[in-house]
Amino acid sequence: MTGELIIPAGVPPFQDGTAHISLEDVSYADAFSETVVESTFPGIRHAVEGQDTAVPFALHASSGVAVDPKADYAVQAWIDCDADGRLGKGDLTGDQVYRVLTRGFGSTVTIVLRQV
């Protein structure tokens, strides 16, 4: 699956961020989601305040991982702007559920991030 992260124009410039993106099985509302695929993308930058930045990405499943057509999937993403390895103040995160792959949802997603 492919997509892009949108860093909004109002976010202060930064360099050397790391994007953390995962595909989650969110089939059960009363249970934690299960990570199906996750990847990190270092070297993310937002150079110009006042202008959106689009960051393209692709997630690739390892062999043996199959999409269950009866399951529900969503993509989660955040950018670690301060290199501490944790989501916290000043980092960026998607604050919506971005459904993909099954039940009529496609294999491409655009995630608009917001600052924590």
N, C-alpha and C. Protein backbone atom coordinates (compact mmCIF):
# COMPACT_ATOMS: atom_id res chain seq x y z
N MET A 1 0.83 -1.17 0.00
CA MET A 1 0.00 0.00 0.00
C MET A 1 0.88 1.23 0.00
N THR A 2 0.35 2.32 -0.51
CA THR A 2 1.10 3.56 -0.63
C THR A 2 0.30 4.71 -0.05
N GLY A 3 0.98 5.82 0.14
CA GLY A 3 0.29 7.01 0.63
C GLY A 3 1.23 8.17 0.77
N GLU A 4 0.72 9.18 1.43
CA GLU A 4 1.54 10.34 1.72
C GLU A 4 1.12 10.93 3.06
N LEU A 5 2.11 11.44 3.75
CA LEU A 5 1.88 12.20 4.98
C LEU A 5 1.89 13.66 4.60
N ILE A 6 0.95 14.41 5.14
CA ILE A 6 0.90 15.86 4.89
C ILE A 6 1.28 16.58 6.18
N ILE A 7 2.37 17.32 6.11
CA ILE A 7 2.79 18.17 7.23
C ILE A 7 2.22 19.55 6.93
N PRO A 8 1.29 20.03 7.76
CA PRO A 8 0.60 21.29 7.47
C PRO A 8 1.53 22.51 7.50
N ALA A 9 1.08 23.52 6.79
CA ALA A 9 1.85 24.75 6.64
C ALA A 9 2.21 25.42 7.97
N GLY A 10 1.38 25.30 8.98
CA GLY A 10 1.61 25.98 10.25
C GLY A 10 2.63 25.33 11.16
N VAL A 11 3.16 24.19 10.78
CA VAL A 11 4.16 23.49 11.61
C VAL A 11 5.51 24.17 11.42
N PRO A 12 6.22 24.46 12.52
CA PRO A 12 7.55 25.06 12.39
C PRO A 12 8.50 24.13 11.64
N PRO A 13 9.45 24.68 10.91
CA PRO A 13 10.41 23.85 10.16
C PRO A 13 11.20 22.92 11.08
N PHE A 14 11.53 21.73 10.55
CA PHE A 14 12.40 20.79 11.27
C PHE A 14 13.15 19.95 10.25
N GLN A 15 14.22 19.31 10.70
CA GLN A 15 15.00 18.41 9.86
C GLN A 15 15.27 17.12 10.63
N ASP A 16 15.59 16.08 9.92
CA ASP A 16 15.98 14.80 10.51
C ASP A 16 14.90 14.15 11.38
N GLY A 17 13.64 14.34 11.03
CA GLY A 17 12.57 13.61 11.71
C GLY A 17 12.51 12.18 11.21
N THR A 18 11.85 11.32 11.98
CA THR A 18 11.66 9.93 11.57
C THR A 18 10.17 9.63 11.55
N ALA A 19 9.67 9.20 10.40
CA ALA A 19 8.27 8.81 10.28
C ALA A 19 8.11 7.36 10.69
N HIS A 20 7.10 7.09 11.51
CA HIS A 20 6.74 5.73 11.95
C HIS A 20 5.35 5.45 11.37
N ILE A 21 5.26 4.47 10.50
CA ILE A 21 4.00 4.19 9.82
C ILE A 21 3.68 2.70 9.98
N SER A 22 2.44 2.41 10.33
CA SER A 22 2.05 1.01 10.52
C SER A 22 0.67 0.74 9.94
N LEU A 23 0.52 -0.48 9.47
CA LEU A 23 -0.77 -1.01 9.05
C LEU A 23 -1.28 -1.86 10.20
N GLU A 24 -2.47 -1.56 10.69
CA GLU A 24 -3.03 -2.22 11.86
C GLU A 24 -4.31 -2.95 11.51
N ASP A 25 -4.49 -4.13 12.09
CA ASP A 25 -5.76 -4.84 12.01
C ASP A 25 -6.62 -4.30 13.15
N VAL A 26 -7.66 -3.57 12.79
CA VAL A 26 -8.53 -2.91 13.78
C VAL A 26 -9.92 -3.55 13.79
N SER A 27 -9.97 -4.83 13.54
CA SER A 27 -11.25 -5.54 13.39
C SER A 27 -12.09 -5.56 14.65
N TYR A 28 -11.45 -5.55 15.81
CA TYR A 28 -12.19 -5.71 17.05
C TYR A 28 -12.16 -4.43 17.87
N ALA A 29 -13.32 -3.81 18.05
CA ALA A 29 -13.41 -2.53 18.75
C ALA A 29 -13.05 -2.65 20.23
N ASP A 30 -13.22 -3.82 20.80
CA ASP A 30 -12.97 -3.99 22.23
C ASP A 30 -11.60 -4.63 22.53
N ALA A 31 -10.69 -4.55 21.56
CA ALA A 31 -9.35 -5.13 21.75
C ALA A 31 -8.30 -4.20 21.12
N PHE A 32 -7.07 -4.37 21.57
CA PHE A 32 -5.98 -3.61 20.97
C PHE A 32 -5.82 -4.03 19.51
N SER A 33 -5.39 -3.08 18.67
CA SER A 33 -5.13 -3.42 17.27
C SER A 33 -3.87 -4.28 17.18
N GLU A 34 -3.77 -5.03 16.11
CA GLU A 34 -2.60 -5.87 15.86
C GLU A 34 -1.82 -5.27 14.71
N THR A 35 -0.53 -5.04 14.90
CA THR A 35 0.31 -4.49 13.85
C THR A 35 0.58 -5.57 12.81
N VAL A 36 0.25 -5.27 11.56
CA VAL A 36 0.46 -6.20 10.45
C VAL A 36 1.80 -5.91 9.77
N VAL A 37 2.05 -4.64 9.51
CA VAL A 37 3.29 -4.19 8.88
C VAL A 37 3.65 -2.85 9.50
N GLU A 38 4.94 -2.65 9.77
CA GLU A 38 5.37 -1.33 10.23
C GLU A 38 6.73 -1.02 9.62
N SER A 39 6.97 0.26 9.46
CA SER A 39 8.23 0.69 8.88
C SER A 39 8.57 2.08 9.39
N THR A 40 9.86 2.39 9.40
CA THR A 40 10.30 3.73 9.76
C THR A 40 11.01 4.35 8.56
N PHE A 41 10.89 5.65 8.46
CA PHE A 41 11.47 6.40 7.35
C PHE A 41 12.24 7.59 7.94
N PRO A 42 13.56 7.48 8.04
CA PRO A 42 14.36 8.58 8.60
C PRO A 42 14.56 9.70 7.58
N GLY A 43 15.08 10.82 8.08
CA GLY A 43 15.45 11.93 7.21
C GLY A 43 14.29 12.79 6.74
N ILE A 44 13.20 12.80 7.49
CA ILE A 44 12.03 13.61 7.12
C ILE A 44 12.30 15.06 7.51
N ARG A 45 11.96 15.97 6.60
CA ARG A 45 12.13 17.39 6.90
C ARG A 45 10.95 18.20 6.41
N HIS A 46 10.73 19.28 7.10
CA HIS A 46 9.70 20.26 6.75
C HIS A 46 10.44 21.58 6.72
N ALA A 47 10.82 22.01 5.52
CA ALA A 47 11.77 23.10 5.38
C ALA A 47 11.16 24.50 5.44
N VAL A 48 9.92 24.64 5.01
CA VAL A 48 9.36 25.98 4.87
C VAL A 48 8.06 26.11 5.66
N GLU A 49 8.08 26.95 6.70
CA GLU A 49 6.84 27.24 7.41
C GLU A 49 5.95 28.05 6.49
N GLY A 50 4.66 27.78 6.52
CA GLY A 50 3.73 28.48 5.64
C GLY A 50 3.43 27.71 4.37
N GLN A 51 4.01 26.52 4.25
CA GLN A 51 3.79 25.68 3.06
C GLN A 51 3.66 24.22 3.50
N ASP A 52 2.64 23.53 3.00
CA ASP A 52 2.50 22.11 3.31
C ASP A 52 3.68 21.33 2.74
N THR A 53 4.04 20.24 3.41
CA THR A 53 5.05 19.31 2.89
C THR A 53 4.39 17.95 2.74
N ALA A 54 4.51 17.34 1.57
CA ALA A 54 3.99 15.99 1.32
C ALA A 54 5.15 15.00 1.38
N VAL A 55 4.96 13.94 2.16
CA VAL A 55 5.99 12.90 2.31
C VAL A 55 5.40 11.59 1.80
N PRO A 56 5.82 11.13 0.62
CA PRO A 56 5.30 9.86 0.10
C PRO A 56 5.89 8.67 0.85
N PHE A 57 5.12 7.58 0.92
CA PHE A 57 5.62 6.36 1.55
C PHE A 57 4.97 5.14 0.91
N ALA A 58 5.60 4.00 1.14
CA ALA A 58 5.05 2.71 0.71
C ALA A 58 5.31 1.71 1.82
N LEU A 59 4.31 0.91 2.15
CA LEU A 59 4.45 -0.18 3.11
C LEU A 59 4.39 -1.49 2.34
N HIS A 60 5.34 -2.37 2.62
CA HIS A 60 5.41 -3.66 1.94
C HIS A 60 5.35 -4.77 2.97
N ALA A 61 4.42 -5.69 2.79
CA ALA A 61 4.30 -6.82 3.71
C ALA A 61 5.40 -7.84 3.41
N SER A 62 5.89 -8.46 4.46
CA SER A 62 6.86 -9.53 4.27
C SER A 62 6.13 -10.77 3.77
N SER A 63 6.88 -11.71 3.25
CA SER A 63 6.25 -12.93 2.73
C SER A 63 5.49 -13.64 3.86
N GLY A 64 4.39 -14.22 3.51
CA GLY A 64 3.57 -14.91 4.49
C GLY A 64 2.49 -14.04 5.12
N VAL A 65 2.52 -12.73 4.88
CA VAL A 65 1.50 -11.83 5.41
C VAL A 65 0.44 -11.63 4.32
N ALA A 66 -0.79 -11.95 4.64
CA ALA A 66 -1.88 -11.83 3.68
C ALA A 66 -2.98 -10.95 4.26
N VAL A 67 -3.66 -10.22 3.39
CA VAL A 67 -4.79 -9.40 3.80
C VAL A 67 -6.02 -10.30 3.90
N ASP A 68 -6.67 -10.27 5.04
CA ASP A 68 -7.90 -11.02 5.25
C ASP A 68 -9.06 -10.15 4.78
N PRO A 69 -9.80 -10.54 3.75
CA PRO A 69 -10.88 -9.70 3.24
C PRO A 69 -12.00 -9.46 4.25
N LYS A 70 -12.03 -10.24 5.33
CA LYS A 70 -13.06 -10.06 6.36
C LYS A 70 -12.60 -9.14 7.49
N ALA A 71 -11.34 -8.74 7.46
CA ALA A 71 -10.78 -7.90 8.53
C ALA A 71 -10.89 -6.42 8.17
N ASP A 72 -10.71 -5.58 9.18
CA ASP A 72 -10.69 -4.13 9.00
C ASP A 72 -9.27 -3.65 9.26
N TYR A 73 -8.76 -2.79 8.37
CA TYR A 73 -7.39 -2.30 8.48
C TYR A 73 -7.36 -0.78 8.49
N ALA A 74 -6.38 -0.25 9.20
CA ALA A 74 -6.17 1.20 9.24
C ALA A 74 -4.67 1.47 9.28
N VAL A 75 -4.29 2.63 8.78
CA VAL A 75 -2.90 3.06 8.82
C VAL A 75 -2.76 4.10 9.92
N GLN A 76 -1.71 3.96 10.70
CA GLN A 76 -1.37 4.95 11.73
C GLN A 76 0.00 5.51 11.40
N ALA A 77 0.19 6.79 11.69
CA ALA A 77 1.47 7.41 11.39
C ALA A 77 1.79 8.52 12.38
N TRP A 78 3.07 8.67 12.65
CA TRP A 78 3.55 9.81 13.43
C TRP A 78 4.98 10.11 13.02
N ILE A 79 5.40 11.34 13.25
CA ILE A 79 6.77 11.75 12.97
C ILE A 79 7.42 12.18 14.28
N ASP A 80 8.54 11.55 14.58
CA ASP A 80 9.35 11.87 15.75
C ASP A 80 10.27 13.04 15.35
N CYS A 81 9.92 14.23 15.78
CA CYS A 81 10.66 15.43 15.39
C CYS A 81 11.85 15.72 16.29
N ASP A 82 11.84 15.16 17.51
CA ASP A 82 12.92 15.47 18.47
C ASP A 82 13.85 14.28 18.73
N ALA A 83 13.70 13.21 17.96
CA ALA A 83 14.61 12.05 17.99
C ALA A 83 14.68 11.36 19.35
N ASP A 84 13.59 11.39 20.14
CA ASP A 84 13.63 10.69 21.42
C ASP A 84 12.97 9.30 21.34
N GLY A 85 12.42 8.95 20.17
CA GLY A 85 11.84 7.63 19.99
C GLY A 85 10.45 7.44 20.57
N ARG A 86 9.87 8.51 21.11
CA ARG A 86 8.53 8.44 21.70
C ARG A 86 7.65 9.56 21.14
N LEU A 87 6.37 9.28 21.04
CA LEU A 87 5.43 10.31 20.64
C LEU A 87 5.24 11.27 21.79
N GLY A 88 5.51 12.54 21.57
CA GLY A 88 5.38 13.53 22.63
C GLY A 88 5.24 14.93 22.07
N LYS A 89 5.27 15.90 22.96
CA LYS A 89 5.08 17.30 22.59
C LYS A 89 6.06 17.69 21.48
N GLY A 90 5.51 18.33 20.47
CA GLY A 90 6.30 18.79 19.33
C GLY A 90 6.35 17.81 18.18
N ASP A 91 6.00 16.53 18.42
CA ASP A 91 5.95 15.55 17.35
C ASP A 91 4.66 15.73 16.56
N LEU A 92 4.54 15.01 15.47
CA LEU A 92 3.36 15.09 14.61
C LEU A 92 2.67 13.73 14.58
N THR A 93 1.34 13.74 14.55
CA THR A 93 0.58 12.49 14.51
C THR A 93 -0.70 12.67 13.70
N GLY A 94 -1.16 11.56 13.14
CA GLY A 94 -2.47 11.54 12.51
C GLY A 94 -3.50 11.31 13.61
N ASP A 95 -4.56 12.09 13.64
CA ASP A 95 -5.53 11.96 14.73
C ASP A 95 -6.88 11.44 14.26
N GLN A 96 -6.88 10.79 13.10
CA GLN A 96 -8.10 10.17 12.59
C GLN A 96 -7.81 8.71 12.29
N VAL A 97 -8.86 7.95 12.04
CA VAL A 97 -8.70 6.57 11.60
C VAL A 97 -8.66 6.61 10.08
N TYR A 98 -7.59 6.08 9.51
CA TYR A 98 -7.40 6.06 8.06
C TYR A 98 -7.55 4.62 7.59
N ARG A 99 -8.79 4.27 7.23
CA ARG A 99 -9.11 2.90 6.82
C ARG A 99 -8.56 2.61 5.42
N VAL A 100 -8.14 1.35 5.22
CA VAL A 100 -7.57 0.92 3.95
C VAL A 100 -7.87 -0.56 3.67
N LEU A 101 -7.72 -0.93 2.42
CA LEU A 101 -7.62 -2.30 1.90
C LEU A 101 -8.90 -3.12 1.82
N THR A 102 -9.79 -3.09 2.77
CA THR A 102 -10.98 -3.94 2.71
C THR A 102 -12.24 -3.09 2.83
N ARG A 103 -13.36 -3.73 2.58
CA ARG A 103 -14.68 -3.10 2.71
C ARG A 103 -14.81 -1.83 1.86
N GLY A 104 -14.19 -1.87 0.68
CA GLY A 104 -14.31 -0.76 -0.26
C GLY A 104 -13.27 0.33 -0.11
N PHE A 105 -12.40 0.22 0.91
CA PHE A 105 -11.33 1.20 1.07
C PHE A 105 -10.17 0.78 0.18
N GLY A 106 -9.49 1.74 -0.38
CA GLY A 106 -8.42 1.47 -1.34
C GLY A 106 -7.09 1.15 -0.70
N SER A 107 -6.07 1.12 -1.52
CA SER A 107 -4.72 0.81 -1.06
C SER A 107 -3.83 2.05 -1.02
N THR A 108 -4.45 3.22 -1.15
CA THR A 108 -3.72 4.49 -1.08
C THR A 108 -4.39 5.36 -0.02
N VAL A 109 -3.57 6.06 0.76
CA VAL A 109 -4.10 6.88 1.84
C VAL A 109 -3.32 8.19 1.94
N THR A 110 -4.01 9.26 2.30
CA THR A 110 -3.37 10.54 2.61
C THR A 110 -3.66 10.85 4.07
N ILE A 111 -2.60 11.02 4.84
CA ILE A 111 -2.73 11.26 6.27
C ILE A 111 -2.27 12.69 6.59
N VAL A 112 -3.20 13.49 7.07
CA VAL A 112 -2.87 14.85 7.48
C VAL A 112 -2.45 14.80 8.95
N LEU A 113 -1.25 15.27 9.21
CA LEU A 113 -0.70 15.22 10.57
C LEU A 113 -1.01 16.50 11.32
N ARG A 114 -0.97 16.40 12.65
CA ARG A 114 -1.12 17.58 13.49
C ARG A 114 -0.03 17.53 14.55
N GLN A 115 0.32 18.68 15.07
CA GLN A 115 1.37 18.74 16.08
C GLN A 115 0.81 18.40 17.46
N VAL A 116 1.53 17.57 18.21
CA VAL A 116 1.13 17.19 19.56
C VAL A 116 1.44 18.33 20.50
